């Protein structure tokens, strides 16, 4: 796996991954100081995003060349359902109505990109668009859980994304890149664009916190 395409794509984007890790939104999750309004905004936007993510998995499943890959994408979609349940729990606790979320610009740009890629490309390219979200969150969760998971209001977020179950799902999606991505240049461009979308997603949630502070 060290010289695999998926691993090389991750290495190419290490700087962006580090930028995301050091982002004040992520660091606010790390130490539990992130304002509630910022995280509540993120929960709603991420729930909207995850629904599009699940749809992209379904499109990829329909394009799968064999039953094993078909089942893999459905298993990955099941992982999204578990993430959405986590968001439902947060929403219930903090009074967020996930059914009335209006996607922000960064959210819409990301979901439009994912679904356009899913409809117009093969499963290797689809996996290249979807893997950055999985690999980045696994990376963030594992980093924030080192040396141990802190106990505060965002501990469950860290626990979810640092888990071995989430790591295993990420590795399964990476194997799709390695098996089916037949255009390395396209995969690099797609992967990097998704990483930029991830960075902007965090930034949008953090800017929402800044707006709330000004209003208060």
C-alpha atoms as a PDB file:
ATOM      1  CA  UNK A   1       0.000   0.000   0.000  1.00  0.00           C
ATOM      2  CA  UNK A   2       2.961   2.352   0.511  1.00  0.00           C
ATOM      3  CA  UNK A   3       3.382   2.910  -3.241  1.00  0.00           C
ATOM      4  CA  UNK A   4      -0.290   2.682  -4.119  1.00  0.00           C
ATOM      5  CA  UNK A   5      -2.064   5.461  -5.968  1.00  0.00           C
ATOM      6  CA  UNK A   6      -4.308   6.204  -2.992  1.00  0.00           C
ATOM      7  CA  UNK A   7      -1.321   6.544  -0.670  1.00  0.00           C
ATOM      8  CA  UNK A   8       0.502   8.779  -3.143  1.00  0.00           C
ATOM      9  CA  UNK A   9      -2.571  10.999  -3.490  1.00  0.00           C
ATOM     10  CA  UNK A  10      -2.691  11.396   0.278  1.00  0.00           C
ATOM     11  CA  UNK A  11       1.018  12.239   0.412  1.00  0.00           C
ATOM     12  CA  UNK A  12       0.607  14.877  -2.295  1.00  0.00           C
ATOM     13  CA  UNK A  13      -2.080  16.543  -0.196  1.00  0.00           C
ATOM     14  CA  UNK A  14      -0.305  16.405   3.174  1.00  0.00           C
ATOM     15  CA  UNK A  15       0.050  20.180   3.304  1.00  0.00           C
ATOM     16  CA  UNK A  16      -3.705  20.630   2.938  1.00  0.00           C
ATOM     17  CA  UNK A  17      -4.296  17.966   5.579  1.00  0.00           C
ATOM     18  CA  UNK A  18      -1.991  19.846   7.968  1.00  0.00           C
ATOM     19  CA  UNK A  19      -3.807  23.108   7.222  1.00  0.00           C
ATOM     20  CA  UNK A  20      -7.093  21.410   8.145  1.00  0.00           C
ATOM     21  CA  UNK A  21      -5.632  19.966  11.351  1.00  0.00           C
ATOM     22  CA  UNK A  22      -4.359  23.364  12.480  1.00  0.00           C
ATOM     23  CA  UNK A  23      -7.554  25.167  11.450  1.00  0.00           C
ATOM     24  CA  UNK A  24      -9.185  26.956  14.409  1.00  0.00           C
ATOM     25  CA  UNK A  25     -12.450  25.066  13.814  1.00  0.00           C
ATOM     26  CA  UNK A  26     -10.709  21.693  14.177  1.00  0.00           C
ATOM     27  CA  UNK A  27      -8.576  22.890  17.068  1.00  0.00           C
ATOM     28  CA  UNK A  28     -11.759  24.088  18.753  1.00  0.00           C
ATOM     29  CA  UNK A  29     -13.068  20.533  18.520  1.00  0.00           C
ATOM     30  CA  UNK A  30      -9.722  19.268  19.816  1.00  0.00           C
ATOM     31  CA  UNK A  31      -9.870  21.194  23.077  1.00  0.00           C
ATOM     32  CA  UNK A  32     -13.644  21.511  23.399  1.00  0.00           C
ATOM     33  CA  UNK A  33     -13.689  25.310  23.050  1.00  0.00           C
ATOM     34  CA  UNK A  34     -15.450  25.553  19.674  1.00  0.00           C
ATOM     35  CA  UNK A  35     -18.549  27.753  20.072  1.00  0.00           C
ATOM     36  CA  UNK A  36     -21.819  25.825  20.039  1.00  0.00           C
ATOM     37  CA  UNK A  37     -23.252  27.958  17.243  1.00  0.00           C
ATOM     38  CA  UNK A  38     -20.328  27.145  14.997  1.00  0.00           C
ATOM     39  CA  UNK A  39     -20.605  23.421  15.622  1.00  0.00           C
ATOM     40  CA  UNK A  40     -24.404  23.524  15.250  1.00  0.00           C
ATOM     41  CA  UNK A  41     -23.987  25.180  11.850  1.00  0.00           C
ATOM     42  CA  UNK A  42     -21.422  22.546  10.895  1.00  0.00           C
ATOM     43  CA  UNK A  43     -23.722  19.705  11.998  1.00  0.00           C
ATOM     44  CA  UNK A  44     -26.503  20.931   9.735  1.00  0.00           C
ATOM     45  CA  UNK A  45     -24.234  21.508   6.762  1.00  0.00           C
ATOM     46  CA  UNK A  46     -22.468  18.187   7.225  1.00  0.00           C
ATOM     47  CA  UNK A  47     -25.773  16.336   7.411  1.00  0.00           C
ATOM     48  CA  UNK A  48     -26.764  17.885   4.070  1.00  0.00           C
ATOM     49  CA  UNK A  49     -23.362  16.911   2.670  1.00  0.00           C
ATOM     50  CA  UNK A  50     -23.569  13.334   3.966  1.00  0.00           C
ATOM     51  CA  UNK A  51     -26.895  12.780   2.238  1.00  0.00           C
ATOM     52  CA  UNK A  52     -25.270  13.756  -1.062  1.00  0.00           C
ATOM     53  CA  UNK A  53     -22.312  11.544  -0.148  1.00  0.00           C
ATOM     54  CA  UNK A  54     -24.662   8.584   0.315  1.00  0.00           C
ATOM     55  CA  UNK A  55     -26.267   9.282  -3.064  1.00  0.00           C
ATOM     56  CA  UNK A  56     -22.847   9.305  -4.697  1.00  0.00           C
ATOM     57  CA  UNK A  57     -22.146   5.903  -3.129  1.00  0.00           C
ATOM     58  CA  UNK A  58     -25.423   4.612  -4.573  1.00  0.00           C
ATOM     59  CA  UNK A  59     -24.506   5.863  -8.048  1.00  0.00           C
ATOM     60  CA  UNK A  60     -21.092   4.233  -7.734  1.00  0.00           C
ATOM     61  CA  UNK A  61     -22.743   0.985  -6.643  1.00  0.00           C
ATOM     62  CA  UNK A  62     -24.903   1.001  -9.775  1.00  0.00           C
ATOM     63  CA  UNK A  63     -21.757   1.425 -11.891  1.00  0.00           C
ATOM     64  CA  UNK A  64     -19.834  -1.353 -10.126  1.00  0.00           C
ATOM     65  CA  UNK A  65     -18.437  -3.964 -12.519  1.00  0.00           C
ATOM     66  CA  UNK A  66     -18.890  -6.856 -10.091  1.00  0.00           C
ATOM     67  CA  UNK A  67     -21.025  -7.878  -7.125  1.00  0.00           C
ATOM     68  CA  UNK A  68     -18.199  -7.579  -4.606  1.00  0.00           C
ATOM     69  CA  UNK A  69     -17.674  -3.910  -5.428  1.00  0.00           C
ATOM     70  CA  UNK A  70     -21.431  -3.344  -5.462  1.00  0.00           C
ATOM     71  CA  UNK A  71     -21.659  -4.723  -1.927  1.00  0.00           C
ATOM     72  CA  UNK A  72     -18.669  -2.621  -0.864  1.00  0.00           C
ATOM     73  CA  UNK A  73     -20.347   0.626  -1.871  1.00  0.00           C
ATOM     74  CA  UNK A  74     -23.509  -0.352  -0.047  1.00  0.00           C
ATOM     75  CA  UNK A  75     -21.454  -1.127   3.063  1.00  0.00           C
ATOM     76  CA  UNK A  76     -19.816   2.296   2.768  1.00  0.00           C
ATOM     77  CA  UNK A  77     -23.241   3.893   2.466  1.00  0.00           C
ATOM     78  CA  UNK A  78     -24.125   2.125   5.716  1.00  0.00           C
ATOM     79  CA  UNK A  79     -21.216   3.918   7.347  1.00  0.00           C
ATOM     80  CA  UNK A  80     -22.710   7.231   6.225  1.00  0.00           C
ATOM     81  CA  UNK A  81     -25.981   6.279   7.922  1.00  0.00           C
ATOM     82  CA  UNK A  82     -24.065   5.820  11.184  1.00  0.00           C
ATOM     83  CA  UNK A  83     -22.483   9.260  10.773  1.00  0.00           C
ATOM     84  CA  UNK A  84     -25.893  10.768  10.153  1.00  0.00           C
ATOM     85  CA  UNK A  85     -27.142   9.178  13.370  1.00  0.00           C
ATOM     86  CA  UNK A  86     -24.339  10.951  15.236  1.00  0.00           C
ATOM     87  CA  UNK A  87     -25.498  14.211  13.671  1.00  0.00           C
ATOM     88  CA  UNK A  88     -29.087  13.444  14.637  1.00  0.00           C
ATOM     89  CA  UNK A  89     -27.957  13.050  18.234  1.00  0.00           C
ATOM     90  CA  UNK A  90     -26.185  16.413  18.177  1.00  0.00           C
ATOM     91  CA  UNK A  91     -29.160  18.038  16.458  1.00  0.00           C
ATOM     92  CA  UNK A  92     -31.566  16.744  19.067  1.00  0.00           C
ATOM     93  CA  UNK A  93     -29.349  17.958  21.893  1.00  0.00           C
ATOM     94  CA  UNK A  94     -28.803  21.435  20.452  1.00  0.00           C
ATOM     95  CA  UNK A  95     -32.131  22.124  18.782  1.00  0.00           C
ATOM     96  CA  UNK A  96     -30.996  21.892  15.146  1.00  0.00           C
ATOM     97  CA  UNK A  97     -33.674  20.923  12.616  1.00  0.00           C
ATOM     98  CA  UNK A  98     -31.823  18.895   9.989  1.00  0.00           C
ATOM     99  CA  UNK A  99     -34.864  18.842   7.724  1.00  0.00           C
ATOM    100  CA  UNK A 100     -34.815  22.587   7.129  1.00  0.00           C
ATOM    101  CA  UNK A 101     -31.109  23.117   6.458  1.00  0.00           C
ATOM    102  CA  UNK A 102     -30.209  25.513   3.649  1.00  0.00           C
ATOM    103  CA  UNK A 103     -26.791  24.583   2.245  1.00  0.00           C
ATOM    104  CA  UNK A 104     -24.158  27.281   2.327  1.00  0.00           C
ATOM    105  CA  UNK A 105     -21.997  28.128  -0.676  1.00  0.00           C
ATOM    106  CA  UNK A 106     -19.114  25.852   0.351  1.00  0.00           C
ATOM    107  CA  UNK A 107     -21.495  22.980   1.062  1.00  0.00           C
ATOM    108  CA  UNK A 108     -23.327  23.331  -2.237  1.00  0.00           C
ATOM    109  CA  UNK A 109     -20.111  23.581  -4.211  1.00  0.00           C
ATOM    110  CA  UNK A 110     -18.814  20.399  -2.591  1.00  0.00           C
ATOM    111  CA  UNK A 111     -22.011  18.364  -3.047  1.00  0.00           C
ATOM    112  CA  UNK A 112     -22.473  19.555  -6.644  1.00  0.00           C
ATOM    113  CA  UNK A 113     -18.911  18.455  -7.386  1.00  0.00           C
ATOM    114  CA  UNK A 114     -19.437  15.035  -5.788  1.00  0.00           C
ATOM    115  CA  UNK A 115     -22.698  14.301  -7.579  1.00  0.00           C
ATOM    116  CA  UNK A 116     -21.447  15.594 -10.945  1.00  0.00           C
ATOM    117  CA  UNK A 117     -18.398  13.344 -10.593  1.00  0.00           C
ATOM    118  CA  UNK A 118     -20.565  10.384  -9.626  1.00  0.00           C
ATOM    119  CA  UNK A 119     -22.907  10.779 -12.584  1.00  0.00           C
ATOM    120  CA  UNK A 120     -20.244  11.425 -15.217  1.00  0.00           C
ATOM    121  CA  UNK A 121     -17.274   9.228 -14.256  1.00  0.00           C
ATOM    122  CA  UNK A 122     -16.282   5.650 -13.543  1.00  0.00           C
ATOM    123  CA  UNK A 123     -15.951   4.290 -10.022  1.00  0.00           C
ATOM    124  CA  UNK A 124     -12.215   4.966  -9.846  1.00  0.00           C
ATOM    125  CA  UNK A 125     -12.778   8.688 -10.370  1.00  0.00           C
ATOM    126  CA  UNK A 126     -15.757   8.649  -8.016  1.00  0.00           C
ATOM    127  CA  UNK A 127     -13.604   7.085  -5.302  1.00  0.00           C
ATOM    128  CA  UNK A 128     -10.929   9.744  -5.908  1.00  0.00           C
ATOM    129  CA  UNK A 129     -13.560  12.420  -5.237  1.00  0.00           C
ATOM    130  CA  UNK A 130     -14.944  10.734  -2.122  1.00  0.00           C
ATOM    131  CA  UNK A 131     -11.834   9.365  -0.425  1.00  0.00           C
ATOM    132  CA  UNK A 132     -10.411  12.731   0.744  1.00  0.00           C
ATOM    133  CA  UNK A 133     -13.356  13.225   3.103  1.00  0.00           C
ATOM    134  CA  UNK A 134     -12.858   9.772   4.603  1.00  0.00           C
ATOM    135  CA  UNK A 135      -9.066   9.845   4.808  1.00  0.00           C
ATOM    136  CA  UNK A 136      -8.954  13.410   6.135  1.00  0.00           C
ATOM    137  CA  UNK A 137     -11.490  12.712   8.886  1.00  0.00           C
ATOM    138  CA  UNK A 138      -9.672   9.518   9.864  1.00  0.00           C
ATOM    139  CA  UNK A 139      -6.452  11.524  10.010  1.00  0.00           C
ATOM    140  CA  UNK A 140      -8.022  14.296  12.078  1.00  0.00           C
ATOM    141  CA  UNK A 141      -9.720  11.884  14.445  1.00  0.00           C
ATOM    142  CA  UNK A 142      -6.540   9.895  15.016  1.00  0.00           C
ATOM    143  CA  UNK A 143      -4.473  13.026  15.564  1.00  0.00           C
ATOM    144  CA  UNK A 144      -6.951  14.510  18.022  1.00  0.00           C
ATOM    145  CA  UNK A 145      -7.180  11.204  19.895  1.00  0.00           C
ATOM    146  CA  UNK A 146      -3.405  11.149  20.528  1.00  0.00           C
ATOM    147  CA  UNK A 147      -2.251  10.352  23.167  1.00  0.00           C
ATOM    148  CA  UNK A 148      -5.815   9.828  24.375  1.00  0.00           C
ATOM    149  CA  UNK A 149      -9.317  11.068  23.636  1.00  0.00           C
ATOM    150  CA  UNK A 150     -10.043  14.152  25.737  1.00  0.00           C
ATOM    151  CA  UNK A 151     -13.300  14.325  27.660  1.00  0.00           C
ATOM    152  CA  UNK A 152     -15.394  17.318  26.663  1.00  0.00           C
ATOM    153  CA  UNK A 153     -18.468  18.188  24.588  1.00  0.00           C
ATOM    154  CA  UNK A 154     -16.895  17.060  21.299  1.00  0.00           C
ATOM    155  CA  UNK A 155     -15.375  13.811  22.519  1.00  0.00           C
ATOM    156  CA  UNK A 156     -17.851  11.702  20.560  1.00  0.00           C
ATOM    157  CA  UNK A 157     -16.817  13.392  17.312  1.00  0.00           C
ATOM    158  CA  UNK A 158     -13.185  12.515  17.991  1.00  0.00           C
ATOM    159  CA  UNK A 159     -14.130   8.995  19.098  1.00  0.00           C
ATOM    160  CA  UNK A 160     -16.088   8.344  15.905  1.00  0.00           C
ATOM    161  CA  UNK A 161     -13.420   9.443  13.457  1.00  0.00           C
ATOM    162  CA  UNK A 162     -10.480   7.947  15.331  1.00  0.00           C
ATOM    163  CA  UNK A 163     -12.104   4.508  15.483  1.00  0.00           C
ATOM    164  CA  UNK A 164     -10.754   1.432  13.743  1.00  0.00           C
ATOM    165  CA  UNK A 165     -14.151   0.935  12.125  1.00  0.00           C
ATOM    166  CA  UNK A 166     -13.871   4.298  10.381  1.00  0.00           C
ATOM    167  CA  UNK A 167     -10.272   3.575   9.382  1.00  0.00           C
ATOM    168  CA  UNK A 168     -11.336   0.261   7.835  1.00  0.00           C
ATOM    169  CA  UNK A 169     -14.082   1.941   5.785  1.00  0.00           C
ATOM    170  CA  UNK A 170     -11.541   4.478   4.566  1.00  0.00           C
ATOM    171  CA  UNK A 171      -9.134   1.770   3.490  1.00  0.00           C
ATOM    172  CA  UNK A 172     -11.887  -0.015   1.572  1.00  0.00           C
ATOM    173  CA  UNK A 173     -12.633   3.112  -0.421  1.00  0.00           C
ATOM    174  CA  UNK A 174      -8.928   3.663  -1.073  1.00  0.00           C
ATOM    175  CA  UNK A 175      -8.748   0.174  -2.558  1.00  0.00           C
ATOM    176  CA  UNK A 176     -11.344   1.226  -5.129  1.00  0.00           C
ATOM    177  CA  UNK A 177      -8.996   4.005  -6.261  1.00  0.00           C
ATOM    178  CA  UNK A 178      -6.117   1.551  -6.507  1.00  0.00           C
ATOM    179  CA  UNK A 179      -8.183  -0.978  -8.452  1.00  0.00           C
ATOM    180  CA  UNK A 180     -10.184   1.243 -10.798  1.00  0.00           C
ATOM    181  CA  UNK A 181      -8.675   4.739 -11.183  1.00  0.00           C
ATOM    182  CA  UNK A 182      -7.255   4.553 -14.698  1.00  0.00           C
ATOM    183  CA  UNK A 183      -6.244   8.199 -15.147  1.00  0.00           C
ATOM    184  CA  UNK A 184      -3.651   9.292 -12.589  1.00  0.00           C
ATOM    185  CA  UNK A 185      -3.697  12.953 -13.593  1.00  0.00           C
ATOM    186  CA  UNK A 186      -7.482  13.093 -13.313  1.00  0.00           C
ATOM    187  CA  UNK A 187      -7.347  11.331  -9.950  1.00  0.00           C
ATOM    188  CA  UNK A 188      -4.798  13.843  -8.630  1.00  0.00           C
ATOM    189  CA  UNK A 189      -6.880  16.818  -9.758  1.00  0.00           C
ATOM    190  CA  UNK A 190     -10.110  15.355  -8.372  1.00  0.00           C
ATOM    191  CA  UNK A 191      -8.557  14.385  -5.038  1.00  0.00           C
ATOM    192  CA  UNK A 192      -6.973  17.812  -4.557  1.00  0.00           C
ATOM    193  CA  UNK A 193     -10.211  19.626  -5.384  1.00  0.00           C
ATOM    194  CA  UNK A 194     -12.059  17.582  -2.767  1.00  0.00           C
ATOM    195  CA  UNK A 195      -9.379  18.412  -0.185  1.00  0.00           C
ATOM    196  CA  UNK A 196      -9.792  22.108  -0.956  1.00  0.00           C
ATOM    197  CA  UNK A 197     -13.539  21.692  -0.479  1.00  0.00           C
ATOM    198  CA  UNK A 198     -12.876  20.147   2.933  1.00  0.00           C
ATOM    199  CA  UNK A 199     -10.725  23.087   3.981  1.00  0.00           C
ATOM    200  CA  UNK A 200     -13.367  25.549   2.816  1.00  0.00           C
ATOM    201  CA  UNK A 201     -16.068  23.576   4.639  1.00  0.00           C
ATOM    202  CA  UNK A 202     -14.277  24.087   7.958  1.00  0.00           C
ATOM    203  CA  UNK A 203     -13.621  27.723   7.141  1.00  0.00           C
ATOM    204  CA  UNK A 204     -17.294  28.394   6.421  1.00  0.00           C
ATOM    205  CA  UNK A 205     -18.291  26.961   9.802  1.00  0.00           C
ATOM    206  CA  UNK A 206     -15.603  28.983  11.554  1.00  0.00           C
ATOM    207  CA  UNK A 207     -16.685  32.192   9.812  1.00  0.00           C
ATOM    208  CA  UNK A 208     -20.203  31.522  11.047  1.00  0.00           C
ATOM    209  CA  UNK A 209     -18.833  31.540  14.583  1.00  0.00           C
ATOM    210  CA  UNK A 210     -17.163  34.893  13.890  1.00  0.00           C
ATOM    211  CA  UNK A 211     -20.430  36.342  12.607  1.00  0.00           C
ATOM    212  CA  UNK A 212     -22.230  35.144  15.724  1.00  0.00           C
ATOM    213  CA  UNK A 213     -19.604  36.729  17.976  1.00  0.00           C
ATOM    214  CA  UNK A 214     -20.004  40.078  16.184  1.00  0.00           C
ATOM    215  CA  UNK A 215     -23.804  39.914  16.472  1.00  0.00           C
ATOM    216  CA  UNK A 216     -23.581  39.167  20.170  1.00  0.00           C
END
